[in-house]
Amino acid sequence: MNLFGSLVIAFSMYSRIPMPQMEWTKERMKYVMCFFPLIGIVIGLLEFAVFQGCDALGFRHFGQILPVVIPILVTGGIHMDGFLDVIDAKSSHGDRKKKLEILKDPHTGAFAIIGCCVYLILYLAAFLEMSPAMIPAYSIIFVVTRALSGLSVVTFPMAKESGLAASFSGAAQKRTVAITMILYLAAAVWGIWYLGGTMPVVMTLFVSVLVYWYYYAMAKKEFGGITGDLAGYFLQICELALVAGLAVVSHLVSL
């Protein structure tokens, strides 16, 4: 029952999928992050189904645009919100204290709006450059990004003792969560290899490691550690980078 409660809390927090009400007890909070990548599986299945369905029905443009917004619709934009907050904070060029204050500010600045527009345009452009053969591999990247984000929550230093990321990190059974995230990653990498081949796997690993390293170095240098907003920022830029990587693979394969 506690594990089911952990699953419900994970989906209630990180998605807009209807879930029953569940109390956030200490025991349930220990394993919430273990179920975070399952939301990536849901998104991936929807992405694949929508793309294939639109293609079968002849709605080519819908099949090209809907996959870009599906992750935001499923998650309610919680990770995009973190991305926008970090864009505002980084654009301030202030000191660490100033940046952390901006992360707490509920208002959205001009740089965040610009960042959102640029992000969605780049995502759409990268998605349009992908060949249909890359769609199965693309559908799995949402598991990769959430597994890496979950891993960072239990292994990276926290920028502050309060906040969503600190709460989940402090309550988590860290060793169990870390091992579970690694298993998700291994399964996702195998799935990308099985469905897409060697080149998509190599590109996925290269891009993921590069962005993960940047995330750790940037967060530690500029913020003193990670927060929930920074975890969302990482997830968004990693997904964008992986889509761009698969677009590159599409062109290399076609040469």
Protein backbone atom coordinates (compact mmCIF):
# COMPACT_ATOMS: atom_id res chain seq x y z
CA MET A 1 0.00 0.00 0.00
CA ASN A 2 2.89 2.36 0.73
CA LEU A 3 4.39 1.68 -2.70
CA PHE A 4 1.05 2.38 -4.36
CA GLY A 5 0.89 5.58 -2.33
CA SER A 6 4.37 6.51 -3.57
CA LEU A 7 3.23 5.97 -7.15
CA VAL A 8 0.13 8.10 -6.64
CA ILE A 9 2.17 10.93 -5.08
CA ALA A 10 4.67 10.82 -7.97
CA PHE A 11 1.94 11.07 -10.60
CA SER A 12 -0.01 13.69 -8.63
CA MET A 13 3.09 15.86 -8.26
CA TYR A 14 4.68 15.50 -11.69
CA SER A 15 1.70 14.98 -13.99
CA ARG A 16 -1.88 16.06 -14.55
CA ILE A 17 -3.11 12.49 -14.80
CA PRO A 18 -6.06 12.14 -12.37
CA MET A 19 -5.05 10.29 -9.20
CA PRO A 20 -6.81 9.49 -5.92
CA GLN A 21 -6.05 11.60 -2.88
CA MET A 22 -3.14 10.17 -0.87
CA GLU A 23 -1.52 11.41 2.31
CA TRP A 24 2.18 12.28 2.03
CA THR A 25 3.44 10.04 4.81
CA LYS A 26 7.13 9.51 5.62
CA GLU A 27 7.05 5.90 4.39
CA ARG A 28 5.44 6.80 1.07
CA MET A 29 7.85 9.67 0.44
CA LYS A 30 10.81 7.28 0.61
CA TYR A 31 10.07 5.77 -2.79
CA VAL A 32 8.24 8.52 -4.69
CA MET A 33 11.19 9.16 -7.03
CA CYS A 34 11.26 5.46 -7.96
CA PHE A 35 8.04 6.02 -9.91
CA PHE A 36 8.99 9.33 -11.53
CA PRO A 37 10.27 7.73 -14.80
CA LEU A 38 6.94 5.94 -15.24
CA ILE A 39 5.50 9.32 -16.23
CA GLY A 40 8.10 9.32 -19.01
CA ILE A 41 6.76 5.97 -20.17
CA VAL A 42 3.24 7.40 -20.33
CA ILE A 43 4.47 10.42 -22.31
CA GLY A 44 6.47 8.20 -24.67
CA LEU A 45 3.49 5.94 -25.38
CA LEU A 46 1.31 8.97 -26.08
CA GLU A 47 3.96 10.48 -28.36
CA PHE A 48 4.24 7.28 -30.36
CA ALA A 49 0.47 6.73 -30.54
CA VAL A 50 -0.27 10.32 -31.59
CA PHE A 51 2.44 10.37 -34.24
CA GLN A 52 1.35 7.03 -35.72
CA GLY A 53 -2.34 7.89 -35.46
CA CYS A 54 -1.97 11.24 -37.19
CA ASP A 55 0.18 9.66 -39.87
CA ALA A 56 -2.39 6.92 -40.50
CA LEU A 57 -5.23 9.47 -40.69
CA GLY A 58 -3.28 11.82 -42.94
CA PHE A 59 -3.01 14.65 -40.39
CA ARG A 60 0.64 15.30 -41.15
CA HIS A 61 0.90 18.73 -39.50
CA PHE A 62 -0.84 17.61 -36.33
CA GLY A 63 1.56 14.68 -36.20
CA GLN A 64 4.46 17.14 -36.34
CA ILE A 65 3.18 19.66 -33.80
CA LEU A 66 1.27 17.69 -31.16
CA PRO A 67 4.35 15.69 -30.02
CA VAL A 68 6.00 18.98 -29.08
CA VAL A 69 3.22 19.96 -26.66
CA ILE A 70 2.25 16.51 -25.30
CA PRO A 71 4.95 16.53 -22.56
CA ILE A 72 3.73 19.92 -21.33
CA LEU A 73 0.08 18.83 -21.41
CA VAL A 74 0.81 15.63 -19.46
CA THR A 75 3.02 17.30 -16.85
CA GLY A 76 1.02 20.50 -16.57
CA GLY A 77 4.20 22.40 -17.36
CA ILE A 78 5.83 21.80 -13.97
CA HIS A 79 9.26 21.17 -15.51
CA MET A 80 8.87 24.02 -17.99
CA ASP A 81 8.07 26.29 -15.05
CA GLY A 82 11.41 25.32 -13.49
CA PHE A 83 13.16 25.94 -16.80
CA LEU A 84 11.67 29.43 -17.04
CA ASP A 85 12.55 30.30 -13.46
CA VAL A 86 16.17 29.27 -14.03
CA ILE A 87 16.32 31.28 -17.27
CA ASP A 88 15.21 34.36 -15.32
CA ALA A 89 17.70 33.67 -12.53
CA LYS A 90 20.65 33.08 -14.86
CA SER A 91 19.75 36.12 -16.95
CA SER A 92 19.97 38.37 -13.88
CA HIS A 93 23.76 37.80 -13.71
CA GLY A 94 23.43 38.37 -9.97
CA ASP A 95 25.21 36.57 -7.17
CA ARG A 96 24.11 33.20 -5.79
CA LYS A 97 21.75 34.72 -3.22
CA LYS A 98 20.06 36.89 -5.85
CA LYS A 99 19.57 33.95 -8.19
CA LEU A 100 18.02 31.80 -5.46
CA GLU A 101 15.66 34.65 -4.61
CA ILE A 102 14.55 34.87 -8.24
CA LEU A 103 13.84 31.13 -8.26
CA LYS A 104 11.36 31.68 -5.41
CA ASP A 105 9.68 34.63 -7.14
CA PRO A 106 6.28 33.50 -8.59
CA HIS A 107 6.38 36.21 -11.26
CA THR A 108 7.62 35.47 -14.77
CA GLY A 109 10.20 37.80 -16.29
CA ALA A 110 10.78 38.84 -19.89
CA PHE A 111 13.78 36.53 -20.27
CA ALA A 112 11.64 33.55 -19.28
CA ILE A 113 9.05 34.39 -21.95
CA ILE A 114 11.76 34.74 -24.57
CA GLY A 115 13.37 31.51 -23.39
CA CYS A 116 10.08 29.61 -23.65
CA CYS A 117 9.46 30.82 -27.22
CA VAL A 118 13.00 29.98 -28.32
CA TYR A 119 12.81 26.56 -26.63
CA LEU A 120 9.56 25.54 -28.34
CA ILE A 121 10.75 26.77 -31.74
CA LEU A 122 14.03 24.85 -31.43
CA TYR A 123 12.19 21.74 -30.23
CA LEU A 124 9.77 21.89 -33.17
CA ALA A 125 12.61 22.45 -35.64
CA ALA A 126 14.57 19.49 -34.24
CA PHE A 127 11.50 17.26 -34.23
CA LEU A 128 10.74 18.13 -37.86
CA GLU A 129 14.30 17.14 -38.80
CA MET A 130 13.88 13.67 -37.30
CA SER A 131 13.01 10.82 -39.61
CA PRO A 132 9.95 8.68 -38.77
CA ALA A 133 12.37 5.82 -38.07
CA MET A 134 13.62 7.74 -35.01
CA ILE A 135 10.16 8.04 -33.40
CA PRO A 136 10.41 4.78 -31.36
CA ALA A 137 13.79 5.84 -29.94
CA TYR A 138 12.47 9.37 -29.39
CA SER A 139 9.57 8.00 -27.36
CA ILE A 140 12.03 6.51 -24.84
CA ILE A 141 14.05 9.67 -24.12
CA PHE A 142 11.39 10.81 -21.65
CA VAL A 143 12.35 7.89 -19.42
CA VAL A 144 16.05 8.75 -19.77
CA THR A 145 15.59 12.38 -18.73
CA ARG A 146 13.42 11.54 -15.72
CA ALA A 147 15.74 8.79 -14.55
CA LEU A 148 18.69 11.19 -14.70
CA SER A 149 16.72 13.93 -12.99
CA GLY A 150 15.65 11.54 -10.24
CA LEU A 151 19.23 10.36 -9.84
CA SER A 152 20.42 13.94 -9.41
CA VAL A 153 17.87 14.58 -6.65
CA VAL A 154 19.39 11.83 -4.49
CA THR A 155 23.07 12.33 -5.42
CA PHE A 156 23.68 16.04 -6.09
CA PRO A 157 24.13 18.62 -3.31
CA MET A 158 21.06 20.73 -2.50
CA ALA A 159 21.21 24.50 -2.91
CA LYS A 160 18.97 24.97 0.13
CA GLU A 161 17.46 22.92 2.92
CA SER A 162 13.87 23.77 2.02
CA GLY A 163 11.91 23.38 -1.19
CA LEU A 164 10.49 20.55 -3.27
CA ALA A 165 13.76 18.93 -4.32
CA ALA A 166 15.15 19.10 -0.78
CA SER A 167 11.95 17.57 0.59
CA PHE A 168 12.02 14.65 -1.83
CA SER A 169 15.77 14.20 -1.40
CA GLY A 170 15.61 14.27 2.39
CA ALA A 171 12.71 11.82 2.58
CA ALA A 172 13.98 9.42 -0.12
CA GLN A 173 15.57 6.05 0.49
CA LYS A 174 18.53 7.31 -1.52
CA ARG A 175 20.35 4.06 -2.23
CA THR A 176 17.16 2.35 -3.42
CA VAL A 177 16.17 5.33 -5.57
CA ALA A 178 19.64 5.59 -7.13
CA ILE A 179 19.71 1.87 -8.02
CA THR A 180 16.19 2.10 -9.43
CA MET A 181 17.12 5.09 -11.60
CA ILE A 182 20.15 3.21 -12.94
CA LEU A 183 17.92 0.24 -13.82
CA TYR A 184 15.52 2.57 -15.65
CA LEU A 185 18.46 4.02 -17.57
CA ALA A 186 19.77 0.58 -18.50
CA ALA A 187 16.32 -0.50 -19.71
CA ALA A 188 15.86 2.72 -21.68
CA VAL A 189 19.26 2.42 -23.36
CA TRP A 190 18.50 -1.18 -24.30
CA GLY A 191 15.11 -0.10 -25.68
CA ILE A 192 16.65 2.64 -27.81
CA TRP A 193 19.22 0.17 -29.15
CA TYR A 194 16.57 -2.46 -29.86
CA LEU A 195 14.18 -0.06 -31.59
CA GLY A 196 16.63 2.38 -33.17
CA GLY A 197 20.03 0.74 -33.49
CA THR A 198 23.55 1.64 -32.44
CA MET A 199 23.78 5.26 -33.61
CA PRO A 200 20.77 6.52 -31.61
CA VAL A 201 22.16 4.79 -28.49
CA VAL A 202 25.61 6.35 -28.92
CA MET A 203 24.07 9.78 -29.50
CA THR A 204 21.73 9.41 -26.51
CA LEU A 205 24.57 8.44 -24.18
CA PHE A 206 26.86 11.20 -25.45
CA VAL A 207 24.23 13.94 -25.18
CA SER A 208 22.92 12.75 -21.81
CA VAL A 209 26.36 12.61 -20.20
CA LEU A 210 27.28 16.02 -21.62
CA VAL A 211 24.11 17.74 -20.44
CA TYR A 212 24.22 15.95 -17.06
CA TRP A 213 27.79 17.15 -16.49
CA TYR A 214 26.81 20.71 -17.46
CA TYR A 215 23.82 20.53 -15.10
CA TYR A 216 25.98 19.49 -12.14
CA ALA A 217 28.76 21.99 -12.84
CA MET A 218 26.42 24.92 -13.51
CA ALA A 219 24.14 24.23 -10.55
CA LYS A 220 27.03 23.89 -8.12
CA LYS A 221 28.86 26.97 -9.40
CA GLU A 222 25.93 29.35 -9.81
CA PHE A 223 23.45 28.12 -7.18
CA GLY A 224 25.48 26.05 -4.73
CA GLY A 225 23.55 22.90 -5.62
CA ILE A 226 20.25 21.90 -7.16
CA THR A 227 16.65 22.85 -6.49
CA GLY A 228 13.36 21.62 -7.92
CA ASP A 229 13.53 24.38 -10.52
CA LEU A 230 17.03 23.34 -11.58
CA ALA A 231 15.92 19.72 -11.86
CA GLY A 232 13.13 20.88 -14.19
CA TYR A 233 15.58 23.02 -16.13
CA PHE A 234 17.85 20.02 -16.65
CA LEU A 235 14.98 17.80 -17.77
CA GLN A 236 13.85 20.32 -20.38
CA ILE A 237 17.26 21.07 -21.88
CA CYS A 238 18.19 17.39 -21.88
CA GLU A 239 15.02 16.51 -23.81
CA LEU A 240 15.72 19.30 -26.31
CA ALA A 241 19.33 18.19 -26.73
CA LEU A 242 18.29 14.55 -27.21
CA VAL A 243 15.72 15.48 -29.87
CA ALA A 244 18.40 17.50 -31.66
CA GLY A 245 20.80 14.55 -31.36
CA LEU A 246 18.30 12.17 -32.92
CA ALA A 247 17.72 14.69 -35.71
CA VAL A 248 21.47 14.63 -36.41
CA VAL A 249 21.40 10.82 -36.43
CA SER A 250 18.52 10.92 -38.92
CA HIS A 251 20.62 12.94 -41.34
CA LEU A 252 23.74 10.82 -40.84
CA VAL A 253 21.78 7.65 -41.54
CA SER A 254 20.32 9.15 -44.72
CA LEU A 255 23.73 10.07 -46.16
